[in-house]
C-alpha atoms as a PDB file:
ATOM      1  CA  MET A   1    -218.750 136.412 -53.783  1.00  0.00           C
ATOM      2  CA  ARG A   2    -218.194 133.275 -51.740  1.00  0.00           C
ATOM      3  CA  GLU A   3    -217.001 133.453 -48.167  1.00  0.00           C
ATOM      4  CA  LEU A   4    -213.550 132.109 -47.382  1.00  0.00           C
ATOM      5  CA  THR A   5    -212.693 129.571 -44.708  1.00  0.00           C
ATOM      6  CA  ARG A   6    -210.278 130.679 -41.995  1.00  0.00           C
ATOM      7  CA  ALA A   7    -207.377 128.854 -43.709  1.00  0.00           C
ATOM      8  CA  GLU A   8    -208.253 130.313 -47.107  1.00  0.00           C
ATOM      9  CA  GLU A   9    -208.450 133.777 -45.617  1.00  0.00           C
ATOM     10  CA  GLN A  10    -205.017 133.376 -44.013  1.00  0.00           C
ATOM     11  CA  VAL A  11    -203.503 132.477 -47.383  1.00  0.00           C
ATOM     12  CA  MET A  12    -205.307 135.396 -49.046  1.00  0.00           C
ATOM     13  CA  GLN A  13    -204.000 137.769 -46.353  1.00  0.00           C
ATOM     14  CA  VAL A  14    -200.477 136.695 -47.263  1.00  0.00           C
ATOM     15  CA  LEU A  15    -201.099 137.079 -50.998  1.00  0.00           C
ATOM     16  CA  TRP A  16    -202.674 140.510 -50.519  1.00  0.00           C
ATOM     17  CA  LYS A  17    -199.610 141.497 -48.524  1.00  0.00           C
ATOM     18  CA  ILE A  18    -196.946 140.203 -50.937  1.00  0.00           C
ATOM     19  CA  LYS A  19    -198.984 140.868 -54.133  1.00  0.00           C
ATOM     20  CA  LYS A  20    -197.723 137.703 -55.857  1.00  0.00           C
ATOM     21  CA  GLY A  21    -195.562 134.731 -55.028  1.00  0.00           C
ATOM     22  CA  PHE A  22    -194.768 131.055 -55.141  1.00  0.00           C
ATOM     23  CA  VAL A  23    -195.953 128.770 -52.341  1.00  0.00           C
ATOM     24  CA  LYS A  24    -192.457 128.869 -50.804  1.00  0.00           C
ATOM     25  CA  ASP A  25    -192.668 132.678 -50.724  1.00  0.00           C
ATOM     26  CA  MET A  26    -196.050 132.558 -49.008  1.00  0.00           C
ATOM     27  CA  LEU A  27    -194.774 130.168 -46.338  1.00  0.00           C
ATOM     28  CA  GLN A  28    -192.213 132.762 -45.199  1.00  0.00           C
ATOM     29  CA  HIS A  29    -195.049 135.063 -44.129  1.00  0.00           C
ATOM     30  CA  PHE A  30    -196.821 132.619 -41.809  1.00  0.00           C
ATOM     31  CA  ASP A  31    -196.211 132.603 -38.074  1.00  0.00           C
ATOM     32  CA  GLU A  32    -194.778 129.545 -36.367  1.00  0.00           C
ATOM     33  CA  PRO A  33    -195.777 126.811 -36.501  1.00  0.00           C
ATOM     34  CA  LYS A  34    -195.895 127.276 -40.265  1.00  0.00           C
ATOM     35  CA  PRO A  35    -198.354 125.171 -42.240  1.00  0.00           C
ATOM     36  CA  ALA A  36    -197.006 122.413 -44.463  1.00  0.00           C
ATOM     37  CA  TYR A  37    -196.045 123.282 -48.031  1.00  0.00           C
ATOM     38  CA  ASN A  38    -198.646 120.844 -49.391  1.00  0.00           C
ATOM     39  CA  THR A  39    -201.357 122.396 -47.216  1.00  0.00           C
ATOM     40  CA  VAL A  40    -200.726 125.892 -48.572  1.00  0.00           C
ATOM     41  CA  SER A  41    -200.449 124.518 -52.103  1.00  0.00           C
ATOM     42  CA  THR A  42    -203.832 122.794 -51.767  1.00  0.00           C
ATOM     43  CA  ILE A  43    -205.477 125.908 -50.311  1.00  0.00           C
ATOM     44  CA  VAL A  44    -204.110 128.072 -53.134  1.00  0.00           C
ATOM     45  CA  ARG A  45    -205.569 125.690 -55.706  1.00  0.00           C
ATOM     46  CA  ILE A  46    -208.938 125.832 -53.909  1.00  0.00           C
ATOM     47  CA  LEU A  47    -208.734 129.636 -53.970  1.00  0.00           C
ATOM     48  CA  GLN A  48    -208.008 129.446 -57.671  1.00  0.00           C
ATOM     49  CA  ASP A  49    -211.078 127.233 -58.208  1.00  0.00           C
ATOM     50  CA  LYS A  50    -213.160 129.772 -56.259  1.00  0.00           C
ATOM     51  CA  GLY A  51    -211.896 132.598 -58.490  1.00  0.00           C
ATOM     52  CA  PHE A  52    -209.871 134.466 -55.853  1.00  0.00           C
ATOM     53  CA  VAL A  53    -206.428 133.626 -57.227  1.00  0.00           C
ATOM     54  CA  THR A  54    -204.830 132.950 -60.578  1.00  0.00           C
ATOM     55  CA  HIS A  55    -201.314 131.983 -61.566  1.00  0.00           C
ATOM     56  CA  LYS A  56    -198.539 132.307 -64.079  1.00  0.00           C
ATOM     57  CA  ALA A  57    -196.794 129.030 -64.894  1.00  0.00           C
ATOM     58  CA  TYR A  58    -193.021 128.689 -65.078  1.00  0.00           C
ATOM     59  CA  GLY A  59    -192.636 125.081 -66.153  1.00  0.00           C
ATOM     60  CA  ARG A  60    -193.955 123.012 -63.256  1.00  0.00           C
ATOM     61  CA  THR A  61    -193.975 125.854 -60.732  1.00  0.00           C
ATOM     62  CA  HIS A  62    -196.666 128.476 -60.404  1.00  0.00           C
ATOM     63  CA  GLU A  63    -196.536 132.060 -59.253  1.00  0.00           C
ATOM     64  CA  TYR A  64    -199.877 133.015 -57.709  1.00  0.00           C
ATOM     65  CA  TYR A  65    -201.525 136.391 -57.398  1.00  0.00           C
ATOM     66  CA  PRO A  66    -204.922 137.603 -56.157  1.00  0.00           C
ATOM     67  CA  VAL A  67    -207.737 138.340 -58.571  1.00  0.00           C
ATOM     68  CA  VAL A  68    -210.033 139.679 -55.830  1.00  0.00           C
ATOM     69  CA  SER A  69    -208.684 142.707 -53.962  1.00  0.00           C
ATOM     70  CA  LYS A  70    -208.671 142.857 -50.195  1.00  0.00           C
ATOM     71  CA  ASN A  71    -210.888 145.941 -50.347  1.00  0.00           C
ATOM     72  CA  GLU A  72    -213.431 144.211 -52.608  1.00  0.00           C
ATOM     73  CA  TYR A  73    -213.586 141.158 -50.318  1.00  0.00           C
ATOM     74  CA  SER A  74    -213.800 143.330 -47.195  1.00  0.00           C
ATOM     75  CA  LYS A  75    -216.677 145.425 -48.538  1.00  0.00           C
ATOM     76  CA  THR A  76    -218.699 142.387 -49.534  1.00  0.00           C
ATOM     77  CA  HIS A  77    -218.208 140.538 -46.279  1.00  0.00           C
ATOM     78  CA  LEU A  78    -218.586 143.540 -44.011  1.00  0.00           C
ATOM     79  CA  SER A  79    -221.952 144.198 -45.650  1.00  0.00           C
ATOM     80  CA  THR A  80    -222.949 140.569 -45.083  1.00  0.00           C
ATOM     81  CA  PHE A  81    -221.768 140.755 -41.454  1.00  0.00           C
ATOM     82  CA  VAL A  82    -223.729 143.947 -40.776  1.00  0.00           C
ATOM     83  CA  ASN A  83    -226.809 142.486 -42.456  1.00  0.00           C
ATOM     84  CA  ASP A  84    -226.633 139.142 -40.626  1.00  0.00           C
ATOM     85  CA  TYR A  85    -225.803 140.409 -37.136  1.00  0.00           C
ATOM     86  CA  PHE A  86    -227.059 144.008 -36.986  1.00  0.00           C
ATOM     87  CA  SER A  87    -230.207 144.048 -39.159  1.00  0.00           C
ATOM     88  CA  ASN A  88    -228.299 145.834 -41.918  1.00  0.00           C
ATOM     89  CA  SER A  89    -227.693 148.828 -39.620  1.00  0.00           C
ATOM     90  CA  PHE A  90    -224.213 150.289 -39.290  1.00  0.00           C
ATOM     91  CA  GLU A  91    -225.607 152.449 -36.498  1.00  0.00           C
ATOM     92  CA  LYS A  92    -226.506 149.322 -34.498  1.00  0.00           C
ATOM     93  CA  MET A  93    -223.073 147.824 -35.198  1.00  0.00           C
ATOM     94  CA  VAL A  94    -221.131 150.884 -34.021  1.00  0.00           C
ATOM     95  CA  SER A  95    -223.438 151.239 -31.028  1.00  0.00           C
ATOM     96  CA  PHE A  96    -222.859 147.599 -30.106  1.00  0.00           C
ATOM     97  CA  PHE A  97    -219.068 147.934 -30.159  1.00  0.00           C
ATOM     98  CA  ALA A  98    -219.183 151.232 -28.271  1.00  0.00           C
ATOM     99  CA  LYS A  99    -221.430 149.775 -25.543  1.00  0.00           C
ATOM    100  CA  GLU A 100    -219.274 146.656 -25.265  1.00  0.00           C
ATOM    101  CA  LYS A 101    -216.276 148.944 -24.767  1.00  0.00           C
ATOM    102  CA  SER A 102    -214.596 147.285 -27.732  1.00  0.00           C
ATOM    103  CA  ILE A 103    -213.837 150.741 -29.124  1.00  0.00           C
ATOM    104  CA  SER A 104    -211.608 153.149 -27.235  1.00  0.00           C
ATOM    105  CA  VAL A 105    -212.526 156.784 -26.744  1.00  0.00           C
ATOM    106  CA  LYS A 106    -209.780 157.733 -29.201  1.00  0.00           C
ATOM    107  CA  GLU A 107    -211.193 155.341 -31.824  1.00  0.00           C
ATOM    108  CA  MET A 108    -214.703 156.747 -31.289  1.00  0.00           C
ATOM    109  CA  GLU A 109    -213.368 160.276 -31.761  1.00  0.00           C
ATOM    110  CA  GLU A 110    -211.659 159.211 -35.003  1.00  0.00           C
ATOM    111  CA  ILE A 111    -214.878 157.562 -36.226  1.00  0.00           C
ATOM    112  CA  MET A 112    -216.787 160.755 -35.422  1.00  0.00           C
ATOM    113  CA  LYS A 113    -214.267 162.859 -37.395  1.00  0.00           C
ATOM    114  CA  ILE A 114    -214.550 160.528 -40.381  1.00  0.00           C
ATOM    115  CA  MET A 115    -218.340 160.570 -40.202  1.00  0.00           C
ATOM    116  CA  GLU A 116    -218.476 164.363 -39.893  1.00  0.00           C
ATOM    117  CA  GLY A 117    -216.263 164.656 -42.977  1.00  0.00           C
ATOM    118  CA  GLU A 118    -218.483 162.241 -44.923  1.00  0.00           C
ATOM    119  CA  VAL A 119    -221.659 164.073 -43.871  1.00  0.00           C
ATOM    120  CA  LYS A 120    -220.159 167.370 -45.029  1.00  0.00           C
ATOM    121  CA  LYS A 121    -219.020 165.863 -48.334  1.00  0.00           C
ATOM    122  CA  GLN A 122    -222.398 164.262 -49.044  1.00  0.00           C
ATOM    123  CA  LYS A 123    -224.274 167.477 -48.216  1.00  0.00           C
ATOM    124  CA  GLU A 124    -222.053 169.388 -50.643  1.00  0.00           C
ATOM    125  CA  ASN A 125    -222.744 166.837 -53.408  1.00  0.00           C
ATOM    126  CA  ARG A 126    -226.547 167.200 -53.187  1.00  0.00           C
END
């Protein structure tokens, strides 16, 4: 799966949020200053060429919707991120954020609860 540019990702975030919509609908979900209509329209067509978006035509207007789910994109690119920056080690990634104090104590406790639950579940499935 190809990586998205920052602008493409912003448009995809909107589409994932609204599920489907016309360019004018998407524009309502951008913060000020909103991008130009033609800019969003061009980005959506690029996303369509990349296989992230498709459309349903209503005459000359198009209603767009995502083909790639947010979860699918996130999994692929988180794996790439961990591989590229942390030698494919989630342990190193979590350790890095904990040491940099980017994760609060509460967040670390939540991560530990999630991990303990996953360890228990995986041990039961052996």
